[in-house]
Amino acid sequence: MNTIEVPIEELKKDVEEFHKCPATWVEAVNTVEKFEDGSEWKGVVQVFALEGHPNATRCYAWRAIDEAHGSRDLFAILGVGNVSSASAAVRSAMLMIRRHVRRGNTGLS
C-alpha cells in the first residue's frame, strides 16, 4: 500500500466528512514504521485538530493506493487511547488491515 499526495484542503474535507466535525490542519509528519514481519510503511501523515468531536481533539490522516484492489483508501485515525502520534496512527491502521485480511476479507471498503 503506497501513500499518495493529496492537497491539504481535500484531505481536510475528507476528515471533516468522515468524523462529522470541523478540522484544522496542524502539521505534516514524515513517518517510517517497521514491523516484526520485516515490512515497512513510509509516508506523510497529516495531523488535524478536531473541533467538537466527542472523543478526540486530533486526527491523523493520509490516503493510500491499495494496488492489490485498485482502490484509493482514506485513513483518518482519531487520536484516542494509545494513538497519540503519527507513528501510532500508522501502527493502528496497519493492525486493523492485518486483522481484516486474516478474517478473509478482500478489501477495506
N, C-alpha and C. Protein backbone atom coordinates (compact mmCIF):
# COMPACT_ATOMS: atom_id res chain seq x y z
N MET A 1 0.85 -1.16 0.00
CA MET A 1 0.00 0.00 0.00
C MET A 1 0.90 1.23 0.00
N ASN A 2 0.75 2.08 -1.00
CA ASN A 2 1.57 3.27 -1.13
C ASN A 2 0.75 4.52 -0.85
N THR A 3 1.33 5.43 -0.06
CA THR A 3 0.63 6.68 0.21
C THR A 3 0.67 7.55 -1.03
N ILE A 4 -0.32 8.41 -1.16
CA ILE A 4 -0.37 9.33 -2.29
C ILE A 4 -0.56 10.74 -1.76
N GLU A 5 0.01 11.68 -2.48
CA GLU A 5 -0.14 13.08 -2.11
C GLU A 5 -1.54 13.56 -2.46
N VAL A 6 -2.13 14.26 -1.52
CA VAL A 6 -3.46 14.82 -1.69
C VAL A 6 -3.38 16.26 -1.19
N PRO A 7 -3.96 17.21 -1.89
CA PRO A 7 -3.96 18.58 -1.38
C PRO A 7 -4.56 18.62 0.03
N ILE A 8 -3.98 19.44 0.90
CA ILE A 8 -4.43 19.53 2.29
C ILE A 8 -5.92 19.84 2.37
N GLU A 9 -6.41 20.74 1.55
CA GLU A 9 -7.83 21.10 1.60
C GLU A 9 -8.73 19.91 1.28
N GLU A 10 -8.30 19.06 0.35
CA GLU A 10 -9.08 17.87 0.01
C GLU A 10 -9.10 16.88 1.17
N LEU A 11 -7.93 16.67 1.77
CA LEU A 11 -7.85 15.75 2.90
C LEU A 11 -8.62 16.31 4.11
N LYS A 12 -8.56 17.61 4.32
CA LYS A 12 -9.32 18.28 5.39
C LYS A 12 -10.81 18.02 5.20
N LYS A 13 -11.28 18.19 3.99
CA LYS A 13 -12.70 17.95 3.69
C LYS A 13 -13.06 16.49 3.98
N ASP A 14 -12.19 15.56 3.58
CA ASP A 14 -12.43 14.14 3.85
C ASP A 14 -12.54 13.87 5.35
N VAL A 15 -11.62 14.44 6.13
CA VAL A 15 -11.61 14.24 7.58
C VAL A 15 -12.90 14.80 8.18
N GLU A 16 -13.28 15.99 7.76
CA GLU A 16 -14.50 16.62 8.29
C GLU A 16 -15.75 15.81 7.97
N GLU A 17 -15.83 15.30 6.75
CA GLU A 17 -16.99 14.49 6.37
C GLU A 17 -17.00 13.16 7.11
N PHE A 18 -15.84 12.55 7.26
CA PHE A 18 -15.75 11.24 7.89
C PHE A 18 -16.06 11.31 9.38
N HIS A 19 -15.53 12.34 10.06
CA HIS A 19 -15.69 12.43 11.51
C HIS A 19 -16.76 13.43 11.94
N LYS A 20 -17.43 14.07 10.97
CA LYS A 20 -18.58 14.94 11.24
C LYS A 20 -18.27 16.10 12.19
N CYS A 21 -17.09 16.74 11.99
CA CYS A 21 -16.74 17.91 12.79
C CYS A 21 -15.69 18.73 12.04
N PRO A 22 -15.57 20.01 12.38
CA PRO A 22 -14.56 20.86 11.74
C PRO A 22 -13.14 20.39 12.08
N ALA A 23 -12.25 20.54 11.10
CA ALA A 23 -10.84 20.17 11.30
C ALA A 23 -9.94 21.30 10.83
N THR A 24 -8.83 21.46 11.52
CA THR A 24 -7.82 22.46 11.16
C THR A 24 -6.49 21.75 11.00
N TRP A 25 -5.83 21.98 9.86
CA TRP A 25 -4.54 21.34 9.61
C TRP A 25 -3.51 21.87 10.60
N VAL A 26 -2.69 20.97 11.17
CA VAL A 26 -1.68 21.33 12.15
C VAL A 26 -0.27 21.17 11.58
N GLU A 27 0.02 19.97 11.03
CA GLU A 27 1.36 19.71 10.52
C GLU A 27 1.38 18.44 9.68
N ALA A 28 2.46 18.31 8.92
CA ALA A 28 2.74 17.08 8.16
C ALA A 28 3.91 16.39 8.83
N VAL A 29 3.79 15.08 9.03
CA VAL A 29 4.83 14.32 9.71
C VAL A 29 5.33 13.20 8.80
N ASN A 30 6.60 13.27 8.40
CA ASN A 30 7.20 12.17 7.65
C ASN A 30 7.33 10.99 8.61
N THR A 31 6.80 9.85 8.20
CA THR A 31 6.71 8.71 9.10
C THR A 31 7.24 7.45 8.45
N VAL A 32 8.04 6.71 9.20
CA VAL A 32 8.53 5.40 8.77
C VAL A 32 8.27 4.43 9.92
N GLU A 33 7.55 3.37 9.62
CA GLU A 33 7.26 2.35 10.62
C GLU A 33 7.73 1.00 10.09
N LYS A 34 8.53 0.29 10.90
CA LYS A 34 8.99 -1.04 10.56
C LYS A 34 8.26 -2.04 11.43
N PHE A 35 7.85 -3.15 10.83
CA PHE A 35 7.06 -4.15 11.53
C PHE A 35 7.85 -5.44 11.72
N GLU A 36 7.39 -6.27 12.66
CA GLU A 36 8.09 -7.51 13.01
C GLU A 36 8.29 -8.43 11.82
N ASP A 37 7.37 -8.41 10.86
CA ASP A 37 7.48 -9.30 9.71
C ASP A 37 8.46 -8.78 8.66
N GLY A 38 9.12 -7.66 8.96
CA GLY A 38 10.10 -7.09 8.04
C GLY A 38 9.53 -6.06 7.08
N SER A 39 8.23 -5.90 7.07
CA SER A 39 7.62 -4.90 6.18
C SER A 39 7.85 -3.50 6.75
N GLU A 40 7.71 -2.53 5.87
CA GLU A 40 7.95 -1.15 6.25
C GLU A 40 6.89 -0.26 5.62
N TRP A 41 6.45 0.74 6.36
CA TRP A 41 5.49 1.73 5.87
C TRP A 41 6.19 3.07 5.88
N LYS A 42 6.16 3.76 4.74
CA LYS A 42 6.74 5.10 4.64
C LYS A 42 5.71 6.03 4.04
N GLY A 43 5.59 7.21 4.61
CA GLY A 43 4.66 8.18 4.05
C GLY A 43 4.57 9.42 4.91
N VAL A 44 3.73 10.33 4.46
CA VAL A 44 3.49 11.57 5.19
C VAL A 44 2.10 11.49 5.80
N VAL A 45 2.04 11.70 7.10
CA VAL A 45 0.77 11.71 7.83
C VAL A 45 0.43 13.17 8.12
N GLN A 46 -0.77 13.56 7.75
CA GLN A 46 -1.24 14.93 8.02
C GLN A 46 -1.99 14.92 9.34
N VAL A 47 -1.65 15.87 10.19
CA VAL A 47 -2.26 15.96 11.51
C VAL A 47 -3.27 17.11 11.50
N PHE A 48 -4.47 16.82 11.98
CA PHE A 48 -5.54 17.82 12.06
C PHE A 48 -6.02 17.94 13.49
N ALA A 49 -6.33 19.18 13.90
CA ALA A 49 -7.02 19.41 15.17
C ALA A 49 -8.51 19.32 14.88
N LEU A 50 -9.23 18.64 15.75
CA LEU A 50 -10.68 18.48 15.58
C LEU A 50 -11.40 19.39 16.59
N GLU A 51 -12.49 19.98 16.13
CA GLU A 51 -13.31 20.82 16.99
C GLU A 51 -14.66 20.17 17.20
N GLY A 52 -15.01 19.94 18.44
CA GLY A 52 -16.34 19.43 18.74
C GLY A 52 -16.51 17.92 18.61
N HIS A 53 -15.44 17.19 18.37
CA HIS A 53 -15.57 15.73 18.32
C HIS A 53 -15.75 15.22 19.74
N PRO A 54 -16.65 14.27 19.97
CA PRO A 54 -16.91 13.83 21.35
C PRO A 54 -15.78 13.05 22.00
N ASN A 55 -14.85 12.49 21.20
CA ASN A 55 -13.82 11.62 21.78
C ASN A 55 -12.38 12.03 21.50
N ALA A 56 -12.16 12.95 20.57
CA ALA A 56 -10.78 13.24 20.17
C ALA A 56 -10.59 14.70 19.80
N THR A 57 -9.37 15.17 20.00
CA THR A 57 -9.01 16.52 19.57
C THR A 57 -8.04 16.49 18.40
N ARG A 58 -7.56 15.29 18.03
CA ARG A 58 -6.62 15.14 16.93
C ARG A 58 -7.07 14.03 15.99
N CYS A 59 -6.68 14.18 14.73
CA CYS A 59 -6.89 13.14 13.73
C CYS A 59 -5.63 13.06 12.88
N TYR A 60 -5.19 11.85 12.59
CA TYR A 60 -4.01 11.59 11.77
C TYR A 60 -4.51 10.99 10.46
N ALA A 61 -4.21 11.66 9.35
CA ALA A 61 -4.85 11.27 8.09
C ALA A 61 -3.87 11.15 6.93
N TRP A 62 -4.20 10.24 6.00
CA TRP A 62 -3.47 10.08 4.75
C TRP A 62 -4.34 9.28 3.80
N ARG A 63 -3.97 9.31 2.55
CA ARG A 63 -4.62 8.48 1.53
C ARG A 63 -3.57 7.52 0.99
N ALA A 64 -4.03 6.35 0.61
CA ALA A 64 -3.12 5.34 0.07
C ALA A 64 -3.82 4.60 -1.06
N ILE A 65 -3.00 4.08 -1.96
CA ILE A 65 -3.50 3.24 -3.03
C ILE A 65 -3.24 1.79 -2.65
N ASP A 66 -4.30 1.01 -2.67
CA ASP A 66 -4.19 -0.42 -2.44
C ASP A 66 -4.06 -1.05 -3.83
N GLU A 67 -2.83 -1.33 -4.23
CA GLU A 67 -2.58 -1.83 -5.58
C GLU A 67 -3.24 -3.18 -5.84
N ALA A 68 -3.37 -3.99 -4.80
CA ALA A 68 -3.99 -5.31 -4.96
C ALA A 68 -5.46 -5.20 -5.35
N HIS A 69 -6.12 -4.13 -4.87
CA HIS A 69 -7.55 -3.99 -5.13
C HIS A 69 -7.88 -2.78 -5.98
N GLY A 70 -6.87 -1.99 -6.31
CA GLY A 70 -7.08 -0.82 -7.16
C GLY A 70 -7.91 0.28 -6.52
N SER A 71 -7.86 0.37 -5.20
CA SER A 71 -8.68 1.37 -4.52
C SER A 71 -7.82 2.47 -3.90
N ARG A 72 -8.42 3.64 -3.75
CA ARG A 72 -7.81 4.76 -3.02
C ARG A 72 -8.50 4.81 -1.67
N ASP A 73 -7.75 4.53 -0.62
CA ASP A 73 -8.33 4.44 0.71
C ASP A 73 -7.97 5.65 1.55
N LEU A 74 -8.94 6.13 2.32
CA LEU A 74 -8.73 7.20 3.28
C LEU A 74 -8.46 6.59 4.64
N PHE A 75 -7.43 7.08 5.29
CA PHE A 75 -7.15 6.72 6.67
C PHE A 75 -7.29 8.00 7.48
N ALA A 76 -8.19 8.01 8.43
CA ALA A 76 -8.45 9.18 9.27
C ALA A 76 -8.56 8.65 10.70
N ILE A 77 -7.42 8.45 11.32
CA ILE A 77 -7.33 7.77 12.61
C ILE A 77 -7.43 8.80 13.74
N LEU A 78 -8.37 8.60 14.62
CA LEU A 78 -8.55 9.51 15.75
C LEU A 78 -7.43 9.35 16.77
N GLY A 79 -7.04 10.46 17.35
CA GLY A 79 -6.05 10.46 18.42
C GLY A 79 -6.70 10.13 19.75
N VAL A 80 -6.98 8.86 19.96
CA VAL A 80 -7.58 8.38 21.21
C VAL A 80 -6.80 7.18 21.71
N GLY A 81 -6.90 6.92 23.00
CA GLY A 81 -6.21 5.76 23.57
C GLY A 81 -4.72 5.85 23.36
N ASN A 82 -4.15 4.78 22.81
CA ASN A 82 -2.71 4.73 22.56
C ASN A 82 -2.28 5.50 21.32
N VAL A 83 -3.21 6.05 20.59
CA VAL A 83 -2.88 6.78 19.36
C VAL A 83 -2.66 8.26 19.71
N SER A 84 -1.39 8.60 19.92
CA SER A 84 -1.05 9.98 20.28
C SER A 84 0.05 10.56 19.39
N SER A 85 0.31 9.88 18.27
CA SER A 85 1.33 10.36 17.32
C SER A 85 1.03 9.79 15.94
N ALA A 86 1.70 10.35 14.94
CA ALA A 86 1.54 9.85 13.58
C ALA A 86 1.98 8.39 13.49
N SER A 87 3.09 8.05 14.13
CA SER A 87 3.57 6.66 14.12
C SER A 87 2.55 5.70 14.73
N ALA A 88 1.97 6.11 15.85
CA ALA A 88 0.97 5.26 16.50
C ALA A 88 -0.26 5.09 15.62
N ALA A 89 -0.64 6.15 14.88
CA ALA A 89 -1.79 6.06 13.97
C ALA A 89 -1.51 5.06 12.85
N VAL A 90 -0.30 5.09 12.32
CA VAL A 90 0.08 4.14 11.26
C VAL A 90 0.05 2.71 11.80
N ARG A 91 0.62 2.49 12.98
CA ARG A 91 0.61 1.15 13.57
C ARG A 91 -0.83 0.67 13.78
N SER A 92 -1.68 1.54 14.26
CA SER A 92 -3.08 1.19 14.48
C SER A 92 -3.77 0.81 13.18
N ALA A 93 -3.55 1.61 12.14
CA ALA A 93 -4.17 1.33 10.84
C ALA A 93 -3.67 0.01 10.25
N MET A 94 -2.37 -0.24 10.34
CA MET A 94 -1.81 -1.47 9.77
C MET A 94 -2.30 -2.69 10.55
N LEU A 95 -2.47 -2.56 11.85
CA LEU A 95 -3.02 -3.66 12.65
C LEU A 95 -4.45 -3.94 12.22
N MET A 96 -5.22 -2.90 12.00
CA MET A 96 -6.61 -3.06 11.56
C MET A 96 -6.65 -3.78 10.20
N ILE A 97 -5.78 -3.39 9.28
CA ILE A 97 -5.73 -4.01 7.95
C ILE A 97 -5.36 -5.49 8.08
N ARG A 98 -4.36 -5.79 8.87
CA ARG A 98 -3.92 -7.19 9.01
C ARG A 98 -5.01 -8.05 9.62
N ARG A 99 -5.74 -7.53 10.59
CA ARG A 99 -6.85 -8.29 11.17
C ARG A 99 -7.94 -8.52 10.13
N HIS A 100 -8.20 -7.49 9.34
CA HIS A 100 -9.22 -7.55 8.30
C HIS A 100 -8.87 -8.63 7.28
N VAL A 101 -7.63 -8.66 6.85
CA VAL A 101 -7.17 -9.63 5.86
C VAL A 101 -7.19 -11.04 6.44
N ARG A 102 -6.79 -11.20 7.68
CA ARG A 102 -6.79 -12.52 8.31
C ARG A 102 -8.18 -13.12 8.41
N ARG A 103 -9.17 -12.26 8.47
CA ARG A 103 -10.56 -12.74 8.55
C ARG A 103 -11.09 -13.14 7.19
N GLY A 104 -10.26 -13.01 6.16
CA GLY A 104 -10.66 -13.45 4.84
C GLY A 104 -11.32 -12.38 4.00
N ASN A 105 -11.33 -11.14 4.47
CA ASN A 105 -11.92 -10.07 3.67
C ASN A 105 -10.93 -9.67 2.57
N THR A 106 -11.45 -9.27 1.44
CA THR A 106 -10.59 -8.96 0.32
C THR A 106 -10.34 -7.48 0.11
N GLY A 107 -11.04 -6.62 0.82
CA GLY A 107 -10.84 -5.19 0.65
C GLY A 107 -11.24 -4.47 1.91
N LEU A 108 -10.92 -3.19 1.99
CA LEU A 108 -11.25 -2.41 3.17
C LEU A 108 -12.62 -1.79 3.10
N SER A 109 -13.15 -1.60 1.92
CA SER A 109 -14.42 -0.89 1.82
C SER A 109 -15.60 -1.84 1.89
